[in-house]
C-alpha atoms as a PDB file:
ATOM      1  CA  MET A   1      85.238  87.410 100.684  1.00  0.00           C
ATOM      2  CA  THR A   2      88.250  85.569 102.091  1.00  0.00           C
ATOM      3  CA  ALA A   3      90.052  88.636 103.457  1.00  0.00           C
ATOM      4  CA  PRO A   4      88.781  91.717 105.264  1.00  0.00           C
ATOM      5  CA  PRO A   5      87.995  94.724 103.056  1.00  0.00           C
ATOM      6  CA  ASN A   6      90.226  97.762 102.642  1.00  0.00           C
ATOM      7  CA  GLY A   7      93.371  95.986 103.840  1.00  0.00           C
ATOM      8  CA  LEU A   8      92.050  95.697 107.398  1.00  0.00           C
ATOM      9  CA  PRO A   9      93.696  93.081 109.641  1.00  0.00           C
ATOM     10  CA  ILE A  10      92.092  89.718 110.418  1.00  0.00           C
ATOM     11  CA  TYR A  11      92.211  90.477 114.166  1.00  0.00           C
ATOM     12  CA  ARG A  12      91.152  93.832 115.564  1.00  0.00           C
ATOM     13  CA  LEU A  13      90.934  95.165 119.090  1.00  0.00           C
ATOM     14  CA  LEU A  14      88.741  98.214 119.321  1.00  0.00           C
ATOM     15  CA  THR A  15      89.138 100.368 122.415  1.00  0.00           C
ATOM     16  CA  GLY A  16      87.750 103.646 123.619  1.00  0.00           C
ATOM     17  CA  PRO A  17      85.418 105.334 126.064  1.00  0.00           C
ATOM     18  CA  ASP A  18      82.294 103.251 126.670  1.00  0.00           C
ATOM     19  CA  ASP A  19      79.916 105.506 124.771  1.00  0.00           C
ATOM     20  CA  ALA A  20      77.724 105.597 121.670  1.00  0.00           C
ATOM     21  CA  THR A  21      80.728 106.222 119.403  1.00  0.00           C
ATOM     22  CA  PHE A  22      82.445 103.060 120.624  1.00  0.00           C
ATOM     23  CA  CYS A  23      79.249 101.054 120.064  1.00  0.00           C
ATOM     24  CA  GLU A  24      78.970 102.487 116.535  1.00  0.00           C
ATOM     25  CA  ARG A  25      82.562 101.437 115.760  1.00  0.00           C
ATOM     26  CA  VAL A  26      81.873  97.883 116.899  1.00  0.00           C
ATOM     27  CA  SER A  27      78.593  97.840 114.945  1.00  0.00           C
ATOM     28  CA  GLU A  28      80.376  99.029 111.783  1.00  0.00           C
ATOM     29  CA  ALA A  29      82.937  96.225 112.103  1.00  0.00           C
ATOM     30  CA  LEU A  30      80.138  93.676 112.534  1.00  0.00           C
ATOM     31  CA  ALA A  31      78.405  95.045 109.441  1.00  0.00           C
ATOM     32  CA  LEU A  32      81.640  94.570 107.455  1.00  0.00           C
ATOM     33  CA  GLY A  33      81.662  90.888 108.404  1.00  0.00           C
ATOM     34  CA  TYR A  34      83.774  90.742 111.559  1.00  0.00           C
ATOM     35  CA  GLU A  35      82.607  88.578 114.459  1.00  0.00           C
ATOM     36  CA  LEU A  36      82.946  89.239 118.172  1.00  0.00           C
ATOM     37  CA  HIS A  37      85.803  87.308 119.762  1.00  0.00           C
ATOM     38  CA  GLY A  38      84.982  86.924 123.434  1.00  0.00           C
ATOM     39  CA  GLY A  39      83.204  89.411 125.597  1.00  0.00           C
ATOM     40  CA  PRO A  40      84.043  93.064 126.089  1.00  0.00           C
ATOM     41  CA  SER A  41      86.629  94.232 128.605  1.00  0.00           C
ATOM     42  CA  LEU A  42      86.020  97.265 130.773  1.00  0.00           C
ATOM     43  CA  THR A  43      88.316  99.340 132.941  1.00  0.00           C
ATOM     44  CA  PHE A  44      88.119 102.677 134.704  1.00  0.00           C
ATOM     45  CA  ASP A  45      90.806 105.286 134.064  1.00  0.00           C
ATOM     46  CA  GLY A  46      89.886 107.498 137.012  1.00  0.00           C
ATOM     47  CA  SER A  47      87.296 109.550 135.181  1.00  0.00           C
ATOM     48  CA  ARG A  48      85.536 107.297 132.656  1.00  0.00           C
ATOM     49  CA  VAL A  49      84.914 103.694 131.696  1.00  0.00           C
ATOM     50  CA  ILE A  50      87.114 102.430 128.828  1.00  0.00           C
ATOM     51  CA  ALA A  51      85.845  99.502 126.765  1.00  0.00           C
ATOM     52  CA  GLY A  52      87.693  97.017 124.592  1.00  0.00           C
ATOM     53  CA  GLN A  53      86.268  94.479 122.172  1.00  0.00           C
ATOM     54  CA  ALA A  54      88.195  91.936 120.116  1.00  0.00           C
ATOM     55  CA  LEU A  55      86.908  91.092 116.642  1.00  0.00           C
ATOM     56  CA  ILE A  56      88.046  88.494 114.141  1.00  0.00           C
ATOM     57  CA  TRP A  57      87.488  87.945 110.458  1.00  0.00           C
ATOM     58  CA  ARG A  58      86.612  84.387 109.550  1.00  0.00           C
ATOM     59  CA  ALA A  59      88.175  83.430 106.204  1.00  0.00           C
ATOM     60  CA  THR A  60      85.082  81.397 105.379  1.00  0.00           C
ATOM     61  CA  HIS A  61      82.764  84.336 106.039  1.00  0.00           C
ATOM     62  CA  GLN A  62      80.711  85.299 103.013  1.00  0.00           C
ATOM     63  CA  GLN A  63      79.134  88.729 102.570  1.00  0.00           C
ATOM     64  CA  SER A  64      75.985  89.132 100.539  1.00  0.00           C
END
């Protein structure tokens, strides 16, 4: 597959509270064929930790 499925962009930045739901979102993107781009970013908004993770789609990536 040369393009991401479902019209998704080549570059994605997922953000959200650092919890199981965020980890599931990143895991789903990896299962689609995205790759991590750098490490995660973390910040504190005064009450909770917010995570961010960049993902990229490699045009040469092949799904089985």
